[in-house]
Amino acid sequence: MAAIHASLAAALACLRRLTDLFGRLNFELLDAENRNRLKGLASRSILMFPVDCSWVPSRTPHEALDWMQRLSTMIDEADSEAVSRQLKLWARVSLESKPAEKKAHKKPHTRPAFKKKQLVSHQSDFSRYALLHGDWRDSRDRCITRFEEPVPTLEISVLEHALISGAWTANVTAGGNSWTSGDWSCCCWYSDAEADFCELKWEPAPGVTVYRQLLWSRISHFLLVAEEVRAPEMTGIAIESRLPVVAGWKALADGRSREWQLHQGDAVARILPIFCAQERVQNTDGHLSCESHSILTRNSTERTGLYSAFVIDWDADRRQAPAQWGPLTVAEDGKRIPPHHACAARWRVGDQLWIVFHQAEKGDSARTALGLHSPHETVISSVADGKYKSLVEVE
């Protein structure tokens, strides 16, 4: 990646010089459409630059900042609010702050919601990646998934630290056969002021489909990571996945519950396996652990499909708040629906409650879980005062 960014900076600088030269001669090197594409390339390159300078050959913040400042000259001032804020954050965090300094406590305040033109999250079918970005007005939290290779990769940065970086591996089993890699594509993308949603799809064999979902909450500071395997004509379904945790994070397991926490300095990321029973003394079908510098999940069923998810929560105000979670019963017309057809889970941290609802096969009417009635394939919603506010609804 260092080589890509180094060559990209040189190429963009060359195009900039040529554009200026042709402008002096009253010629246009690029038409309006290609100029806009060039601006988009420059701004997206800056927004995807990693927190830890790992793509910079010398790995110095000074070189990283210089690289981004040179790219920012390609963008009109009116369109560069997010980029300008990113540059200021880089200057403050990477160049000015000292490890021993303690940040001053900020008074809580409510920011106005994003407008559509302010969103920097985006997805590209051509380049086969998706960027899920936090509130760039005061953070560099973001998630990037790339799926151009047979094994997708995932990069997550929170609280000014790189948390996850590397191959998002999977070992899928169905009907006695196993698969570990293949052709991934993005089958669903949604982005608004509150959240980003990305769904990836892989068909390792006829009749077998694997889905991966990422729901990034810009306001509540959590990421839901879900996986599903569908094989209607097969049984013995299983999936084992692994996400590499960046060095420097210390994993701590809760003694009574299945919660894990990742610590680095003052930063804390809580890992909640919401489809598993919360208490360790209770049996459960799934498994999640954060050992050997990775987040490992295992799920299996003798049915024709499965769906499971876990949540990464890094909100500082909920760091010490009690957490509760667990799977829910899904019903249709008063009858219980088996989990391989439809399932749901809820999780509460402090006073905040959320629910995820998913169905592999839609019923004849809307199905219900915890008072949520929905005909949709996937619903992720917050719950407050008995009212549901959907972050995303997937048809």
Protein backbone atom coordinates (compact mmCIF):
# COMPACT_ATOMS: atom_id res chain seq x y z
CA MET A 1 0.00 0.00 0.00
CA ALA A 2 2.91 2.37 0.61
CA ALA A 3 3.97 1.98 -3.02
CA ILE A 4 0.42 2.66 -4.23
CA HIS A 5 0.13 5.89 -2.27
CA ALA A 6 3.62 7.03 -3.27
CA SER A 7 2.90 6.51 -6.98
CA LEU A 8 -0.60 7.96 -6.67
CA ALA A 9 0.74 11.17 -5.16
CA ALA A 10 3.25 11.53 -7.99
CA ALA A 11 0.62 10.81 -10.65
CA LEU A 12 -1.85 13.31 -9.21
CA ALA A 13 0.90 15.95 -8.91
CA CYS A 14 1.81 15.39 -12.56
CA LEU A 15 -1.82 15.76 -13.63
CA ARG A 16 -2.09 18.95 -11.61
CA ARG A 17 0.96 20.48 -13.31
CA LEU A 18 -0.32 19.47 -16.75
CA THR A 19 -3.74 20.95 -15.98
CA ASP A 20 -2.15 24.27 -14.95
CA LEU A 21 0.04 24.30 -18.08
CA PHE A 22 -2.87 23.61 -20.43
CA GLY A 23 -4.93 26.26 -18.61
CA ARG A 24 -2.28 28.90 -19.32
CA LEU A 25 -2.50 27.94 -22.99
CA ASN A 26 -6.30 28.25 -22.86
CA PHE A 27 -6.76 24.51 -23.36
CA GLU A 28 -8.59 22.09 -21.13
CA LEU A 29 -6.75 18.86 -20.34
CA LEU A 30 -9.78 17.32 -18.62
CA ASP A 31 -13.48 17.84 -19.12
CA ALA A 32 -15.77 18.62 -16.17
CA GLU A 33 -16.65 14.97 -15.55
CA ASN A 34 -13.03 13.84 -15.36
CA ARG A 35 -12.08 16.83 -13.20
CA ASN A 36 -14.75 15.81 -10.71
CA ARG A 37 -13.45 12.23 -10.80
CA LEU A 38 -9.95 13.50 -10.07
CA LYS A 39 -11.19 15.55 -7.12
CA GLY A 40 -13.05 12.51 -5.80
CA LEU A 41 -9.95 10.35 -6.10
CA ALA A 42 -7.86 12.87 -4.19
CA SER A 43 -10.39 13.35 -1.37
CA ARG A 44 -11.07 9.63 -0.99
CA SER A 45 -7.35 8.87 -0.88
CA ILE A 46 -6.94 11.28 2.02
CA LEU A 47 -9.95 9.92 3.92
CA MET A 48 -8.67 6.34 3.61
CA PHE A 49 -5.18 7.15 4.88
CA PRO A 50 -4.51 4.96 7.96
CA VAL A 51 -4.24 6.32 11.46
CA ASP A 52 -0.89 4.64 12.18
CA CYS A 53 1.02 5.86 9.05
CA SER A 54 1.55 2.23 8.02
CA TRP A 55 1.25 3.06 4.30
CA VAL A 56 3.95 5.74 4.43
CA PRO A 57 7.36 4.32 3.41
CA SER A 58 9.21 6.13 6.23
CA ARG A 59 6.23 5.76 8.60
CA THR A 60 6.57 9.30 9.90
CA PRO A 61 3.55 11.54 10.60
CA HIS A 62 5.36 14.45 8.93
CA GLU A 63 5.58 12.62 5.62
CA ALA A 64 1.98 11.48 5.90
CA LEU A 65 0.76 15.00 6.54
CA ASP A 66 2.85 16.38 3.68
CA TRP A 67 1.43 13.71 1.35
CA MET A 68 -2.15 14.63 2.23
CA GLN A 69 -1.53 18.37 1.99
CA ARG A 70 -0.17 17.94 -1.53
CA LEU A 71 -3.23 15.92 -2.52
CA SER A 72 -5.59 18.46 -0.95
CA THR A 73 -4.51 21.08 -3.51
CA MET A 74 -6.46 19.07 -6.09
CA ILE A 75 -9.76 19.81 -4.34
CA ASP A 76 -11.82 22.99 -4.44
CA GLU A 77 -12.07 24.79 -1.12
CA ALA A 78 -15.87 24.60 -1.18
CA ASP A 79 -15.78 20.81 -1.35
CA SER A 80 -13.01 20.17 1.13
CA GLU A 81 -14.59 20.61 4.57
CA ALA A 82 -14.14 16.96 5.54
CA VAL A 83 -10.61 16.84 4.12
CA SER A 84 -9.61 20.06 5.88
CA ARG A 85 -10.86 18.66 9.17
CA GLN A 86 -8.94 15.44 8.59
CA LEU A 87 -5.74 17.41 7.97
CA LYS A 88 -6.24 19.38 11.18
CA LEU A 89 -6.82 16.18 13.14
CA TRP A 90 -3.67 14.67 11.66
CA ALA A 91 -1.66 17.76 12.63
CA ARG A 92 -3.07 17.73 16.17
CA VAL A 93 -2.94 14.01 16.89
CA SER A 94 0.13 12.91 14.94
CA LEU A 95 2.39 15.94 15.23
CA GLU A 96 1.46 17.97 18.29
CA SER A 97 0.06 15.70 21.01
CA LYS A 98 2.43 14.04 23.45
CA PRO A 99 1.86 10.54 24.86
CA ALA A 100 2.21 11.76 28.44
CA GLU A 101 -0.32 14.54 28.04
CA LYS A 102 -3.82 13.99 29.32
CA LYS A 103 -6.52 15.33 27.07
CA ALA A 104 -8.79 17.95 28.57
CA HIS A 105 -12.31 16.80 29.30
CA LYS A 106 -14.73 17.98 26.65
CA LYS A 107 -18.16 19.19 27.64
CA PRO A 108 -20.91 17.07 26.09
CA HIS A 109 -22.70 18.75 23.22
CA THR A 110 -25.10 17.79 20.49
CA ARG A 111 -23.96 18.28 16.93
CA PRO A 112 -26.40 18.92 14.09
CA ALA A 113 -27.07 15.89 11.91
CA PHE A 114 -25.02 15.39 8.78
CA LYS A 115 -26.38 16.60 5.50
CA LYS A 116 -26.17 14.20 2.58
CA LYS A 117 -23.42 16.20 0.86
CA GLN A 118 -21.30 16.02 4.05
CA LEU A 119 -21.13 12.23 4.11
CA VAL A 120 -17.74 10.82 3.17
CA SER A 121 -18.62 7.12 3.43
CA HIS A 122 -18.76 5.44 0.04
CA GLN A 123 -18.59 2.11 -1.78
CA SER A 124 -17.10 1.18 -5.16
CA ASP A 125 -18.10 -1.89 -7.18
CA PHE A 126 -15.29 -1.16 -9.65
CA SER A 127 -12.53 -0.90 -7.02
CA ARG A 128 -14.27 -3.48 -4.77
CA TYR A 129 -14.05 -1.72 -1.44
CA ALA A 130 -16.26 0.17 1.00
CA LEU A 131 -15.42 2.96 3.45
CA LEU A 132 -17.64 3.32 6.52
CA HIS A 133 -16.61 6.53 8.24
CA GLY A 134 -17.37 8.09 11.61
CA ASP A 135 -18.14 11.72 12.35
CA TRP A 136 -15.15 13.40 10.72
CA ARG A 137 -15.91 16.62 12.61
CA ASP A 138 -14.15 15.31 15.70
CA SER A 139 -12.74 11.81 15.02
CA ARG A 140 -11.01 9.57 12.51
CA ASP A 141 -12.99 6.44 13.39
CA ARG A 142 -13.60 4.38 10.27
CA CYS A 143 -13.90 0.90 8.80
CA ILE A 144 -12.62 -0.19 5.39
CA THR A 145 -13.40 -3.52 3.79
CA ARG A 146 -11.73 -4.63 0.56
CA PHE A 147 -12.97 -7.61 -1.41
CA GLU A 148 -10.99 -7.59 -4.65
CA GLU A 149 -9.04 -10.67 -3.51
CA PRO A 150 -10.41 -14.19 -2.79
CA VAL A 151 -10.15 -13.40 0.95
CA PRO A 152 -11.60 -10.00 1.99
CA THR A 153 -9.70 -7.68 4.32
CA LEU A 154 -10.99 -5.45 7.09
CA GLU A 155 -9.43 -2.39 8.69
CA ILE A 156 -11.02 -0.74 11.72
CA SER A 157 -9.66 2.34 13.50
CA VAL A 158 -11.29 3.73 16.65
CA LEU A 159 -10.27 6.26 19.29
CA GLU A 160 -7.14 7.23 17.30
CA HIS A 161 -5.88 3.63 17.24
CA ALA A 162 -5.87 0.98 14.52
CA LEU A 163 -7.86 -1.92 15.99
CA ILE A 164 -8.32 -4.50 13.20
CA SER A 165 -6.12 -4.87 10.12
CA GLY A 166 -5.71 -7.82 7.79
CA ALA A 167 -7.41 -10.77 6.16
CA TRP A 168 -11.00 -11.50 7.19
CA THR A 169 -10.72 -15.24 6.82
CA ALA A 170 -13.57 -17.75 6.69
CA ASN A 171 -13.82 -21.52 6.69
CA VAL A 172 -17.31 -22.51 5.53
CA THR A 173 -18.68 -26.06 5.74
CA ALA A 174 -21.92 -27.38 4.23
CA GLY A 175 -22.97 -30.91 3.33
CA GLY A 176 -19.53 -32.29 4.17
CA ASN A 177 -17.64 -29.86 1.88
CA SER A 178 -15.47 -26.91 2.93
CA TRP A 179 -14.43 -23.63 1.28
CA THR A 180 -12.07 -20.87 2.39
CA SER A 181 -11.99 -18.30 -0.43
CA GLY A 182 -13.81 -17.13 -3.52
CA ASP A 183 -15.30 -14.23 -5.44
CA TRP A 184 -16.86 -11.66 -3.11
CA SER A 185 -19.11 -8.80 -4.19
CA CYS A 186 -21.10 -6.02 -2.52
CA CYS A 187 -24.81 -6.81 -2.80
CA CYS A 188 -26.17 -4.02 -0.58
CA TRP A 189 -24.94 -0.55 0.42
CA TYR A 190 -26.70 2.16 2.40
CA SER A 191 -25.46 5.36 4.03
CA ASP A 192 -27.23 8.20 5.84
CA ALA A 193 -26.53 10.71 8.60
CA GLU A 194 -26.69 8.09 11.37
CA ALA A 195 -25.19 4.90 9.97
CA ASP A 196 -23.50 3.03 7.12
CA PHE A 197 -24.43 -0.49 6.05
CA CYS A 198 -22.47 -2.81 3.77
CA GLU A 199 -23.36 -6.39 2.82
CA LEU A 200 -20.95 -8.72 1.00
CA LYS A 201 -21.93 -11.90 -0.83
CA TRP A 202 -20.01 -15.04 -1.80
CA GLU A 203 -21.30 -18.21 -3.51
CA PRO A 204 -18.68 -20.92 -2.87
CA ALA A 205 -20.78 -23.63 -4.59
CA PRO A 206 -24.19 -24.00 -6.24
CA GLY A 207 -26.83 -23.80 -3.55
CA VAL A 208 -24.46 -22.32 -0.93
CA THR A 209 -24.39 -18.57 -0.22
CA VAL A 210 -22.38 -16.68 2.38
CA TYR A 211 -23.24 -13.14 3.49
CA ARG A 212 -21.32 -10.70 5.65
CA GLN A 213 -22.89 -7.54 7.04
CA LEU A 214 -21.30 -4.43 8.55
CA LEU A 215 -23.43 -1.82 10.31
CA TRP A 216 -21.45 1.25 11.40
CA SER A 217 -23.21 3.60 13.84
CA ARG A 218 -21.81 7.09 13.42
CA ILE A 219 -23.70 8.44 16.44
CA SER A 220 -23.64 5.55 18.92
CA HIS A 221 -20.05 4.45 18.16
CA PHE A 222 -20.44 0.74 17.53
CA LEU A 223 -19.96 -1.70 14.68
CA LEU A 224 -22.16 -4.76 14.18
CA VAL A 225 -20.42 -7.60 12.33
CA ALA A 226 -22.77 -10.35 11.08
CA GLU A 227 -22.30 -13.53 9.04
CA GLU A 228 -24.82 -15.83 7.42
CA VAL A 229 -24.62 -19.13 5.55
CA ARG A 230 -27.56 -20.36 3.48
CA ALA A 231 -27.67 -23.88 2.01
CA PRO A 232 -31.35 -24.84 1.59
CA GLU A 233 -30.59 -28.35 0.29
CA MET A 234 -27.82 -29.18 2.78
CA THR A 235 -27.27 -29.73 6.49
CA GLY A 236 -24.21 -29.62 8.74
CA ILE A 237 -23.61 -25.87 8.28
CA ALA A 238 -20.63 -24.24 9.97
CA ILE A 239 -18.49 -21.13 9.61
CA GLU A 240 -15.28 -20.15 11.40
CA SER A 241 -13.97 -16.62 10.91
CA ARG A 242 -10.99 -14.69 12.18
CA LEU A 243 -10.16 -10.98 12.34
CA PRO A 244 -6.56 -9.94 13.16
CA VAL A 245 -6.19 -7.52 16.06
CA VAL A 246 -3.42 -4.92 15.67
CA ALA A 247 -0.44 -5.33 18.01
CA GLY A 248 -0.61 -3.26 21.16
CA TRP A 249 -4.13 -4.18 22.22
CA LYS A 250 -4.53 -6.28 25.36
CA ALA A 251 -7.45 -8.74 25.42
CA LEU A 252 -9.35 -9.29 28.66
CA ALA A 253 -12.13 -11.84 29.14
CA ASP A 254 -14.97 -11.22 31.56
CA GLY A 255 -15.14 -13.88 34.24
CA ARG A 256 -18.90 -14.45 34.25
CA SER A 257 -20.14 -13.36 30.84
CA ARG A 258 -18.89 -13.97 27.30
CA GLU A 259 -17.88 -10.34 26.87
CA TRP A 260 -14.31 -9.55 25.83
CA GLN A 261 -12.55 -6.21 26.04
CA LEU A 262 -9.59 -4.88 24.06
CA HIS A 263 -7.48 -2.23 25.82
CA GLN A 264 -4.76 0.09 24.54
CA GLY A 265 -3.94 3.04 26.78
CA ASP A 266 -7.20 4.84 27.54
CA ALA A 267 -8.94 3.24 24.55
CA VAL A 268 -11.37 0.38 25.23
CA ALA A 269 -13.33 -1.67 22.70
CA ARG A 270 -15.98 -4.03 24.08
CA ILE A 271 -16.81 -7.20 22.11
CA LEU A 272 -20.32 -8.59 22.65
CA PRO A 273 -21.38 -11.91 21.00
CA ILE A 274 -25.06 -10.97 20.97
CA PHE A 275 -26.38 -14.26 19.52
CA CYS A 276 -24.66 -16.30 22.25
CA ALA A 277 -25.99 -16.80 25.76
CA GLN A 278 -24.50 -14.06 27.92
CA GLU A 279 -23.49 -16.14 30.94
CA ARG A 280 -20.64 -18.62 30.53
CA VAL A 281 -22.45 -21.22 32.65
CA GLN A 282 -25.16 -21.46 29.97
CA ASN A 283 -24.66 -23.65 26.91
CA THR A 284 -24.61 -21.90 23.57
CA ASP A 285 -24.12 -22.90 19.92
CA GLY A 286 -21.69 -20.13 19.04
CA HIS A 287 -18.19 -19.20 20.18
CA LEU A 288 -16.23 -15.94 20.32
CA SER A 289 -12.76 -15.33 21.74
CA CYS A 290 -10.10 -12.62 21.46
CA GLU A 291 -6.97 -14.67 21.96
CA SER A 292 -3.73 -14.84 19.93
CA HIS A 293 -4.22 -11.29 18.60
CA SER A 294 -7.41 -12.11 16.73
CA ILE A 295 -11.19 -12.15 17.11
CA LEU A 296 -12.25 -15.74 16.46
CA THR A 297 -15.87 -16.77 15.90
CA ARG A 298 -17.32 -20.25 15.37
CA ASN A 299 -20.94 -21.06 14.60
CA SER A 300 -22.58 -24.30 13.50
CA THR A 301 -26.00 -25.90 13.08
CA GLU A 302 -27.54 -29.10 11.79
CA ARG A 303 -30.18 -27.04 9.99
CA THR A 304 -29.94 -25.56 6.50
CA GLY A 305 -28.56 -22.18 7.50
CA LEU A 306 -27.33 -19.93 10.28
CA TYR A 307 -26.97 -16.25 11.11
CA SER A 308 -24.84 -14.77 13.88
CA ALA A 309 -23.36 -11.42 14.85
CA PHE A 310 -21.19 -9.63 17.38
CA VAL A 311 -20.85 -5.97 18.31
CA ILE A 312 -17.72 -3.86 18.79
CA ASP A 313 -18.58 -0.93 21.08
CA TRP A 314 -16.00 1.82 21.72
CA ASP A 315 -18.21 4.62 23.09
CA ALA A 316 -16.31 6.26 25.96
CA ASP A 317 -19.48 7.07 27.91
CA ARG A 318 -20.52 3.38 27.89
CA ARG A 319 -17.10 2.02 28.82
CA GLN A 320 -18.12 1.07 32.37
CA ALA A 321 -21.85 0.65 31.73
CA PRO A 322 -23.39 -2.78 32.38
CA ALA A 323 -24.15 -4.81 29.26
CA GLN A 324 -26.94 -7.29 28.65
CA TRP A 325 -27.65 -9.27 25.51
CA GLY A 326 -29.12 -12.46 24.13
CA PRO A 327 -31.03 -14.12 21.27
CA LEU A 328 -34.76 -13.53 20.88
CA THR A 329 -37.70 -15.65 19.77
CA VAL A 330 -39.18 -14.77 16.37
CA ALA A 331 -42.86 -15.50 15.79
CA GLU A 332 -45.38 -15.31 12.97
CA ASP A 333 -49.12 -15.47 13.64
CA GLY A 334 -48.37 -16.66 17.16
CA LYS A 335 -46.12 -19.52 16.04
CA ARG A 336 -42.40 -19.72 16.78
CA ILE A 337 -40.13 -19.54 13.72
CA PRO A 338 -36.95 -21.71 13.79
CA PRO A 339 -33.66 -19.71 13.81
CA HIS A 340 -32.52 -20.93 10.36
CA HIS A 341 -35.61 -19.22 8.88
CA ALA A 342 -35.65 -16.09 11.07
CA CYS A 343 -33.72 -14.95 14.13
CA ALA A 344 -33.13 -11.88 16.25
CA ALA A 345 -31.00 -10.63 19.14
CA ARG A 346 -30.99 -7.60 21.38
CA TRP A 347 -28.24 -5.88 23.31
CA ARG A 348 -28.32 -3.18 25.94
CA VAL A 349 -25.34 -1.14 27.17
CA GLY A 350 -26.25 1.23 29.96
CA ASP A 351 -29.57 2.84 29.11
CA GLN A 352 -29.31 2.24 25.36
CA LEU A 353 -30.99 -0.73 23.69
CA TRP A 354 -30.72 -2.09 20.14
CA ILE A 355 -32.16 -5.04 18.24
CA VAL A 356 -31.10 -6.89 15.08
CA PHE A 357 -33.72 -8.90 13.18
CA HIS A 358 -32.96 -11.13 10.20
CA GLN A 359 -34.87 -13.68 8.12
CA ALA A 360 -33.49 -15.96 5.43
CA GLU A 361 -36.98 -16.80 4.20
CA LYS A 362 -39.82 -14.32 4.37
CA GLY A 363 -43.12 -15.46 5.78
CA ASP A 364 -46.68 -14.95 4.59
CA SER A 365 -46.98 -11.97 6.93
CA ALA A 366 -44.77 -9.72 9.02
CA ARG A 367 -42.83 -11.46 11.76
CA THR A 368 -42.23 -10.17 15.26
CA ALA A 369 -39.43 -10.13 17.84
CA LEU A 370 -39.41 -8.09 21.07
CA GLY A 371 -42.39 -6.10 19.81
CA LEU A 372 -40.76 -5.29 16.45
CA HIS A 373 -43.01 -6.24 13.52
CA SER A 374 -41.28 -6.34 10.15
CA PRO A 375 -41.52 -7.98 6.70
CA HIS A 376 -37.94 -6.96 5.85
CA GLU A 377 -34.98 -9.29 5.45
CA THR A 378 -32.78 -7.38 7.90
CA VAL A 379 -33.63 -4.68 10.42
CA ILE A 380 -31.20 -3.06 12.86
CA SER A 381 -32.91 -0.64 15.17
CA SER A 382 -32.50 1.31 18.39
CA VAL A 383 -35.24 1.07 21.00
CA ALA A 384 -36.24 3.89 23.35
CA ASP A 385 -39.46 4.30 25.36
CA GLY A 386 -40.97 1.35 23.52
CA LYS A 387 -40.40 2.98 20.12
CA TYR A 388 -38.20 1.57 17.37
CA LYS A 389 -35.97 3.76 15.23
CA SER A 390 -34.42 1.81 12.38
CA LEU A 391 -30.79 2.37 11.49
CA VAL A 392 -31.22 0.21 8.40
CA GLU A 393 -33.96 -1.86 6.74
CA VAL A 394 -32.97 -4.28 4.00
CA GLU A 395 -35.64 -5.53 1.62
